[in-house]
Amino acid sequence: MIVLHVLFGLMILVGTILTGISFQGDTQKLTKLQKFSLIFTTSAIGLTVIAVISISSSVYLGIALFVILAGYEYFSFLRQTN
């Protein structure tokens, strides 16, 4: 059961990262609600992973992952491209 939980968690994490990569630079074509839902979904999944790692492993690792998540969100969804 734990193996399936880890497997599904990894699938969700990879899917989230690929979603961010696939929309990179094209988010200007989306409506505000669509853009918000993408950012909200990827942030929620990322923060879930960070919370679990912070509780089970190290708070410092959680802080580092939070900074990485913030950079990922910025470069995937918020940065203006020309």
PDB file of N, CA and C in Angstrom:
ATOM      1  N   MET A   1       0.819  -1.198   0.000  1.00  0.00           N
ATOM      2  CA  MET A   1       0.000   0.000   0.000  1.00  0.00           C
ATOM      3  C   MET A   1       0.865   1.264   0.000  1.00  0.00           C
ATOM      4  N   ILE A   2       1.943   1.230   0.765  1.00  0.00           N
ATOM      5  CA  ILE A   2       2.835   2.390   0.808  1.00  0.00           C
ATOM      6  C   ILE A   2       3.507   2.585  -0.549  1.00  0.00           C
ATOM      7  N   VAL A   3       3.862   1.481  -1.202  1.00  0.00           N
ATOM      8  CA  VAL A   3       4.502   1.574  -2.517  1.00  0.00           C
ATOM      9  C   VAL A   3       3.560   2.239  -3.527  1.00  0.00           C
ATOM     10  N   LEU A   4       2.293   1.888  -3.490  1.00  0.00           N
ATOM     11  CA  LEU A   4       1.328   2.530  -4.393  1.00  0.00           C
ATOM     12  C   LEU A   4       1.167   4.009  -4.070  1.00  0.00           C
ATOM     13  N   HIS A   5       1.168   4.345  -2.802  1.00  0.00           N
ATOM     14  CA  HIS A   5       1.048   5.741  -2.393  1.00  0.00           C
ATOM     15  C   HIS A   5       2.233   6.550  -2.925  1.00  0.00           C
ATOM     16  N   VAL A   6       3.425   6.000  -2.788  1.00  0.00           N
ATOM     17  CA  VAL A   6       4.619   6.680  -3.301  1.00  0.00           C
ATOM     18  C   VAL A   6       4.558   6.771  -4.820  1.00  0.00           C
ATOM     19  N   LEU A   7       4.147   5.694  -5.480  1.00  0.00           N
ATOM     20  CA  LEU A   7       4.062   5.690  -6.938  1.00  0.00           C
ATOM     21  C   LEU A   7       3.078   6.748  -7.446  1.00  0.00           C
ATOM     22  N   PHE A   8       1.897   6.799  -6.867  1.00  0.00           N
ATOM     23  CA  PHE A   8       0.909   7.800  -7.285  1.00  0.00           C
ATOM     24  C   PHE A   8       1.377   9.218  -6.960  1.00  0.00           C
ATOM     25  N   GLY A   9       2.033   9.383  -5.841  1.00  0.00           N
ATOM     26  CA  GLY A   9       2.578  10.699  -5.490  1.00  0.00           C
ATOM     27  C   GLY A   9       3.619  11.159  -6.496  1.00  0.00           C
ATOM     28  N   LEU A  10       4.484  10.257  -6.909  1.00  0.00           N
ATOM     29  CA  LEU A  10       5.489  10.604  -7.916  1.00  0.00           C
ATOM     30  C   LEU A  10       4.846  10.914  -9.264  1.00  0.00           C
ATOM     31  N   MET A  11       3.804  10.173  -9.612  1.00  0.00           N
ATOM     32  CA  MET A  11       3.097  10.443 -10.863  1.00  0.00           C
ATOM     33  C   MET A  11       2.470  11.841 -10.846  1.00  0.00           C
ATOM     34  N   ILE A  12       1.881  12.205  -9.731  1.00  0.00           N
ATOM     35  CA  ILE A  12       1.281  13.535  -9.605  1.00  0.00           C
ATOM     36  C   ILE A  12       2.352  14.616  -9.680  1.00  0.00           C
ATOM     37  N   LEU A  13       3.475  14.394  -9.003  1.00  0.00           N
ATOM     38  CA  LEU A  13       4.554  15.374  -9.001  1.00  0.00           C
ATOM     39  C   LEU A  13       5.129  15.561 -10.405  1.00  0.00           C
ATOM     40  N   VAL A  14       5.377  14.478 -11.113  1.00  0.00           N
ATOM     41  CA  VAL A  14       5.900  14.566 -12.483  1.00  0.00           C
ATOM     42  C   VAL A  14       4.870  15.236 -13.397  1.00  0.00           C
ATOM     43  N   GLY A  15       3.610  14.898 -13.241  1.00  0.00           N
ATOM     44  CA  GLY A  15       2.568  15.539 -14.044  1.00  0.00           C
ATOM     45  C   GLY A  15       2.487  17.033 -13.806  1.00  0.00           C
ATOM     46  N   THR A  16       2.652  17.433 -12.569  1.00  0.00           N
ATOM     47  CA  THR A  16       2.635  18.854 -12.239  1.00  0.00           C
ATOM     48  C   THR A  16       3.809  19.583 -12.869  1.00  0.00           C
ATOM     49  N   ILE A  17       4.986  18.997 -12.780  1.00  0.00           N
ATOM     50  CA  ILE A  17       6.168  19.618 -13.381  1.00  0.00           C
ATOM     51  C   ILE A  17       6.012  19.708 -14.897  1.00  0.00           C
ATOM     52  N   LEU A  18       5.518  18.655 -15.516  1.00  0.00           N
ATOM     53  CA  LEU A  18       5.324  18.682 -16.967  1.00  0.00           C
ATOM     54  C   LEU A  18       4.256  19.688 -17.381  1.00  0.00           C
ATOM     55  N   THR A  19       3.241  19.876 -16.552  1.00  0.00           N
ATOM     56  CA  THR A  19       2.223  20.892 -16.844  1.00  0.00           C
ATOM     57  C   THR A  19       2.846  22.279 -16.851  1.00  0.00           C
ATOM     58  N   GLY A  20       3.669  22.548 -15.859  1.00  0.00           N
ATOM     59  CA  GLY A  20       4.342  23.844 -15.813  1.00  0.00           C
ATOM     60  C   GLY A  20       5.253  24.059 -17.008  1.00  0.00           C
ATOM     61  N   ILE A  21       5.972  23.017 -17.399  1.00  0.00           N
ATOM     62  CA  ILE A  21       6.877  23.132 -18.546  1.00  0.00           C
ATOM     63  C   ILE A  21       6.085  23.316 -19.837  1.00  0.00           C
ATOM     64  N   SER A  22       4.986  22.609 -19.983  1.00  0.00           N
ATOM     65  CA  SER A  22       4.220  22.706 -21.227  1.00  0.00           C
ATOM     66  C   SER A  22       3.561  24.070 -21.416  1.00  0.00           C
ATOM     67  N   PHE A  23       3.229  24.748 -20.316  1.00  0.00           N
ATOM     68  CA  PHE A  23       2.613  26.069 -20.417  1.00  0.00           C
ATOM     69  C   PHE A  23       3.622  27.205 -20.320  1.00  0.00           C
ATOM     70  N   GLN A  24       4.887  26.882 -20.182  1.00  0.00           N
ATOM     71  CA  GLN A  24       5.898  27.916 -20.008  1.00  0.00           C
ATOM     72  C   GLN A  24       5.901  28.869 -21.199  1.00  0.00           C
ATOM     73  N   GLY A  25       5.685  30.133 -20.922  1.00  0.00           N
ATOM     74  CA  GLY A  25       5.664  31.149 -21.965  1.00  0.00           C
ATOM     75  C   GLY A  25       4.323  31.308 -22.658  1.00  0.00           C
ATOM     76  N   ASP A  26       3.425  30.362 -22.526  1.00  0.00           N
ATOM     77  CA  ASP A  26       2.129  30.440 -23.194  1.00  0.00           C
ATOM     78  C   ASP A  26       1.001  30.824 -22.245  1.00  0.00           C
ATOM     79  N   THR A  27       1.309  31.169 -21.027  1.00  0.00           N
ATOM     80  CA  THR A  27       0.250  31.463 -20.063  1.00  0.00           C
ATOM     81  C   THR A  27      -0.425  32.797 -20.337  1.00  0.00           C
ATOM     82  N   GLN A  28       0.166  33.628 -21.168  1.00  0.00           N
ATOM     83  CA  GLN A  28      -0.457  34.918 -21.475  1.00  0.00           C
ATOM     84  C   GLN A  28      -1.729  34.741 -22.291  1.00  0.00           C
ATOM     85  N   LYS A  29      -1.867  33.595 -22.951  1.00  0.00           N
ATOM     86  CA  LYS A  29      -3.052  33.322 -23.767  1.00  0.00           C
ATOM     87  C   LYS A  29      -4.224  32.824 -22.923  1.00  0.00           C
ATOM     88  N   LEU A  30      -3.960  32.467 -21.676  1.00  0.00           N
ATOM     89  CA  LEU A  30      -5.002  31.928 -20.806  1.00  0.00           C
ATOM     90  C   LEU A  30      -5.782  33.047 -20.133  1.00  0.00           C
ATOM     91  N   THR A  31      -7.012  32.738 -19.737  1.00  0.00           N
ATOM     92  CA  THR A  31      -7.777  33.696 -18.952  1.00  0.00           C
ATOM     93  C   THR A  31      -7.199  33.747 -17.537  1.00  0.00           C
ATOM     94  N   LYS A  32      -7.587  34.746 -16.777  1.00  0.00           N
ATOM     95  CA  LYS A  32      -7.086  34.880 -15.409  1.00  0.00           C
ATOM     96  C   LYS A  32      -7.489  33.683 -14.549  1.00  0.00           C
ATOM     97  N   LEU A  33      -8.693  33.176 -14.751  1.00  0.00           N
ATOM     98  CA  LEU A  33      -9.148  32.020 -13.980  1.00  0.00           C
ATOM     99  C   LEU A  33      -8.353  30.761 -14.334  1.00  0.00           C
ATOM    100  N   GLN A  34      -8.077  30.553 -15.606  1.00  0.00           N
ATOM    101  CA  GLN A  34      -7.281  29.401 -16.019  1.00  0.00           C
ATOM    102  C   GLN A  34      -5.861  29.490 -15.467  1.00  0.00           C
ATOM    103  N   LYS A  35      -5.287  30.675 -15.529  1.00  0.00           N
ATOM    104  CA  LYS A  35      -3.938  30.884 -15.010  1.00  0.00           C
ATOM    105  C   LYS A  35      -3.906  30.660 -13.505  1.00  0.00           C
ATOM    106  N   PHE A  36      -4.913  31.197 -12.799  1.00  0.00           N
ATOM    107  CA  PHE A  36      -4.992  31.008 -11.351  1.00  0.00           C
ATOM    108  C   PHE A  36      -5.120  29.533 -10.999  1.00  0.00           C
ATOM    109  N   SER A  37      -5.944  28.800 -11.739  1.00  0.00           N
ATOM    110  CA  SER A  37      -6.135  27.389 -11.421  1.00  0.00           C
ATOM    111  C   SER A  37      -4.863  26.585 -11.640  1.00  0.00           C
ATOM    112  N   LEU A  38      -4.086  26.900 -12.669  1.00  0.00           N
ATOM    113  CA  LEU A  38      -2.808  26.225 -12.870  1.00  0.00           C
ATOM    114  C   LEU A  38      -1.837  26.518 -11.737  1.00  0.00           C
ATOM    115  N   ILE A  39      -1.728  27.782 -11.371  1.00  0.00           N
ATOM    116  CA  ILE A  39      -0.820  28.166 -10.294  1.00  0.00           C
ATOM    117  C   ILE A  39      -1.274  27.556  -8.982  1.00  0.00           C
ATOM    118  N   PHE A  40      -2.565  27.598  -8.709  1.00  0.00           N
ATOM    119  CA  PHE A  40      -3.107  27.056  -7.464  1.00  0.00           C
ATOM    120  C   PHE A  40      -2.871  25.547  -7.365  1.00  0.00           C
ATOM    121  N   THR A  41      -3.116  24.836  -8.446  1.00  0.00           N
ATOM    122  CA  THR A  41      -2.959  23.382  -8.443  1.00  0.00           C
ATOM    123  C   THR A  41      -1.503  22.975  -8.245  1.00  0.00           C
ATOM    124  N   THR A  42      -0.609  23.562  -9.021  1.00  0.00           N
ATOM    125  CA  THR A  42       0.795  23.195  -8.884  1.00  0.00           C
ATOM    126  C   THR A  42       1.363  23.617  -7.538  1.00  0.00           C
ATOM    127  N   SER A  43       0.929  24.758  -7.026  1.00  0.00           N
ATOM    128  CA  SER A  43       1.383  25.194  -5.709  1.00  0.00           C
ATOM    129  C   SER A  43       0.879  24.265  -4.611  1.00  0.00           C
ATOM    130  N   ALA A  44      -0.368  23.860  -4.704  1.00  0.00           N
ATOM    131  CA  ALA A  44      -0.930  22.973  -3.683  1.00  0.00           C
ATOM    132  C   ALA A  44      -0.209  21.630  -3.649  1.00  0.00           C
ATOM    133  N   ILE A  45       0.057  21.073  -4.813  1.00  0.00           N
ATOM    134  CA  ILE A  45       0.779  19.800  -4.856  1.00  0.00           C
ATOM    135  C   ILE A  45       2.208  19.979  -4.357  1.00  0.00           C
ATOM    136  N   GLY A  46       2.862  21.038  -4.797  1.00  0.00           N
ATOM    137  CA  GLY A  46       4.226  21.299  -4.338  1.00  0.00           C
ATOM    138  C   GLY A  46       4.304  21.535  -2.839  1.00  0.00           C
ATOM    139  N   LEU A  47       3.362  22.294  -2.295  1.00  0.00           N
ATOM    140  CA  LEU A  47       3.361  22.557  -0.854  1.00  0.00           C
ATOM    141  C   LEU A  47       3.047  21.295  -0.051  1.00  0.00           C
ATOM    142  N   THR A  48       2.258  20.400  -0.615  1.00  0.00           N
ATOM    143  CA  THR A  48       1.996  19.121   0.052  1.00  0.00           C
ATOM    144  C   THR A  48       3.283  18.304   0.157  1.00  0.00           C
ATOM    145  N   VAL A  49       4.018  18.239  -0.932  1.00  0.00           N
ATOM    146  CA  VAL A  49       5.293  17.518  -0.921  1.00  0.00           C
ATOM    147  C   VAL A  49       6.259  18.164   0.062  1.00  0.00           C
ATOM    148  N   ILE A  50       6.331  19.479   0.067  1.00  0.00           N
ATOM    149  CA  ILE A  50       7.228  20.190   0.977  1.00  0.00           C
ATOM    150  C   ILE A  50       6.838  19.936   2.430  1.00  0.00           C
ATOM    151  N   ALA A  51       5.553  19.955   2.730  1.00  0.00           N
ATOM    152  CA  ALA A  51       5.102  19.720   4.108  1.00  0.00           C
ATOM    153  C   ALA A  51       5.477  18.326   4.578  1.00  0.00           C
ATOM    154  N   VAL A  52       5.273  17.332   3.730  1.00  0.00           N
ATOM    155  CA  VAL A  52       5.598  15.951   4.106  1.00  0.00           C
ATOM    156  C   VAL A  52       7.103  15.796   4.314  1.00  0.00           C
ATOM    157  N   ILE A  53       7.900  16.361   3.440  1.00  0.00           N
ATOM    158  CA  ILE A  53       9.348  16.256   3.578  1.00  0.00           C
ATOM    159  C   ILE A  53       9.823  17.012   4.814  1.00  0.00           C
ATOM    160  N   SER A  54       9.235  18.177   5.089  1.00  0.00           N
ATOM    161  CA  SER A  54       9.628  18.954   6.271  1.00  0.00           C
ATOM    162  C   SER A  54       9.313  18.205   7.556  1.00  0.00           C
ATOM    163  N   ILE A  55       8.170  17.535   7.593  1.00  0.00           N
ATOM    164  CA  ILE A  55       7.773  16.807   8.797  1.00  0.00           C
ATOM    165  C   ILE A  55       8.588  15.529   8.962  1.00  0.00           C
ATOM    166  N   SER A  56       8.794  14.811   7.865  1.00  0.00           N
ATOM    167  CA  SER A  56       9.443  13.510   7.972  1.00  0.00           C
ATOM    168  C   SER A  56      10.960  13.574   7.912  1.00  0.00           C
ATOM    169  N   SER A  57      11.527  14.616   7.328  1.00  0.00           N
ATOM    170  CA  SER A  57      12.969  14.631   7.113  1.00  0.00           C
ATOM    171  C   SER A  57      13.643  15.822   7.794  1.00  0.00           C
ATOM    172  N   SER A  58      13.540  16.972   7.182  1.00  0.00           N
ATOM    173  CA  SER A  58      14.279  18.131   7.680  1.00  0.00           C
ATOM    174  C   SER A  58      13.553  19.426   7.317  1.00  0.00           C
ATOM    175  N   VAL A  59      13.508  20.316   8.271  1.00  0.00           N
ATOM    176  CA  VAL A  59      12.898  21.618   8.026  1.00  0.00           C
ATOM    177  C   VAL A  59      13.736  22.419   7.033  1.00  0.00           C
ATOM    178  N   TYR A  60      15.051  22.270   7.117  1.00  0.00           N
ATOM    179  CA  TYR A  60      15.931  23.000   6.206  1.00  0.00           C
ATOM    180  C   TYR A  60      15.759  22.534   4.760  1.00  0.00           C
ATOM    181  N   LEU A  61      15.570  21.254   4.579  1.00  0.00           N
ATOM    182  CA  LEU A  61      15.279  20.735   3.249  1.00  0.00           C
ATOM    183  C   LEU A  61      13.939  21.268   2.754  1.00  0.00           C
ATOM    184  N   GLY A  62      12.968  21.372   3.649  1.00  0.00           N
ATOM    185  CA  GLY A  62      11.673  21.943   3.291  1.00  0.00           C
ATOM    186  C   GLY A  62      11.785  23.397   2.862  1.00  0.00           C
ATOM    187  N   ILE A  63      12.618  24.158   3.562  1.00  0.00           N
ATOM    188  CA  ILE A  63      12.830  25.568   3.192  1.00  0.00           C
ATOM    189  C   ILE A  63      13.485  25.660   1.815  1.00  0.00           C
ATOM    190  N   ALA A  64      14.481  24.811   1.576  1.00  0.00           N
ATOM    191  CA  ALA A  64      15.146  24.805   0.268  1.00  0.00           C
ATOM    192  C   ALA A  64      14.166  24.435  -0.842  1.00  0.00           C
ATOM    193  N   LEU A  65      13.327  23.442  -0.591  1.00  0.00           N
ATOM    194  CA  LEU A  65      12.331  23.052  -1.589  1.00  0.00           C
ATOM    195  C   LEU A  65      11.295  24.144  -1.816  1.00  0.00           C
ATOM    196  N   PHE A  66      10.962  24.893  -0.771  1.00  0.00           N
ATOM    197  CA  PHE A  66      10.026  26.007  -0.916  1.00  0.00           C
ATOM    198  C   PHE A  66      10.605  27.082  -1.848  1.00  0.00           C
ATOM    199  N   VAL A  67      11.884  27.368  -1.688  1.00  0.00           N
ATOM    200  CA  VAL A  67      12.540  28.348  -2.566  1.00  0.00           C
ATOM    201  C   VAL A  67      12.554  27.836  -4.005  1.00  0.00           C
ATOM    202  N   ILE A  68      12.835  26.540  -4.176  1.00  0.00           N
ATOM    203  CA  ILE A  68      12.816  25.950  -5.519  1.00  0.00           C
ATOM    204  C   ILE A  68      11.413  26.013  -6.115  1.00  0.00           C
ATOM    205  N   LEU A  69      10.393  25.722  -5.306  1.00  0.00           N
ATOM    206  CA  LEU A  69       9.011  25.794  -5.784  1.00  0.00           C
ATOM    207  C   LEU A  69       8.641  27.214  -6.192  1.00  0.00           C
ATOM    208  N   ALA A  70       9.049  28.190  -5.398  1.00  0.00           N
ATOM    209  CA  ALA A  70       8.750  29.585  -5.732  1.00  0.00           C
ATOM    210  C   ALA A  70       9.403  29.971  -7.061  1.00  0.00           C
ATOM    211  N   GLY A  71      10.650  29.555  -7.269  1.00  0.00           N
ATOM    212  CA  GLY A  71      11.324  29.824  -8.539  1.00  0.00           C
ATOM    213  C   GLY A  71      10.646  29.128  -9.706  1.00  0.00           C
ATOM    214  N   TYR A  72      10.233  27.893  -9.473  1.00  0.00           N
ATOM    215  CA  TYR A  72       9.522  27.127 -10.504  1.00  0.00           C
ATOM    216  C   TYR A  72       8.219  27.812 -10.894  1.00  0.00           C
ATOM    217  N   GLU A  73       7.447  28.240  -9.901  1.00  0.00           N
ATOM    218  CA  GLU A  73       6.178  28.919 -10.173  1.00  0.00           C
ATOM    219  C   GLU A  73       6.412  30.221 -10.936  1.00  0.00           C
ATOM    220  N   TYR A  74       7.433  30.962 -10.542  1.00  0.00           N
ATOM    221  CA  TYR A  74       7.709  32.234 -11.204  1.00  0.00           C
ATOM    222  C   TYR A  74       8.098  32.010 -12.664  1.00  0.00           C
ATOM    223  N   PHE A  75       9.073  31.133 -12.901  1.00  0.00           N
ATOM    224  CA  PHE A  75       9.550  30.936 -14.261  1.00  0.00           C
ATOM    225  C   PHE A  75       8.550  30.203 -15.144  1.00  0.00           C
ATOM    226  N   SER A  76       7.697  29.379 -14.558  1.00  0.00           N
ATOM    227  CA  SER A  76       6.719  28.650 -15.365  1.00  0.00           C
ATOM    228  C   SER A  76       5.477  29.470 -15.686  1.00  0.00           C
ATOM    229  N   PHE A  77       5.027  30.302 -14.737  1.00  0.00           N
ATOM    230  CA  PHE A  77       3.717  30.933 -14.907  1.00  0.00           C
ATOM    231  C   PHE A  77       3.705  32.459 -14.843  1.00  0.00           C
ATOM    232  N   LEU A  78       4.574  33.069 -14.096  1.00  0.00           N
ATOM    233  CA  LEU A  78       4.446  34.498 -13.840  1.00  0.00           C
ATOM    234  C   LEU A  78       5.388  35.383 -14.646  1.00  0.00           C
ATOM    235  N   ARG A  79       6.496  34.840 -15.094  1.00  0.00           N
ATOM    236  CA  ARG A  79       7.476  35.650 -15.813  1.00  0.00           C
ATOM    237  C   ARG A  79       6.921  36.070 -17.164  1.00  0.00           C
ATOM    238  N   GLN A  80       7.121  37.317 -17.509  1.00  0.00           N
ATOM    239  CA  GLN A  80       6.656  37.838 -18.786  1.00  0.00           C
ATOM    240  C   GLN A  80       7.689  37.498 -19.858  1.00  0.00           C
ATOM    241  N   THR A  81       7.252  36.874 -20.927  1.00  0.00           N
ATOM    242  CA  THR A  81       8.147  36.567 -22.047  1.00  0.00           C
ATOM    243  C   THR A  81       7.751  37.390 -23.248  1.00  0.00           C
ATOM    244  N   ASN A  82       8.727  37.713 -24.055  1.00  0.00           N
ATOM    245  CA  ASN A  82       8.467  38.538 -25.240  1.00  0.00           C
ATOM    246  C   ASN A  82       8.458  37.689 -26.477  1.00  0.00           C
TER     247      ASN A  82
END
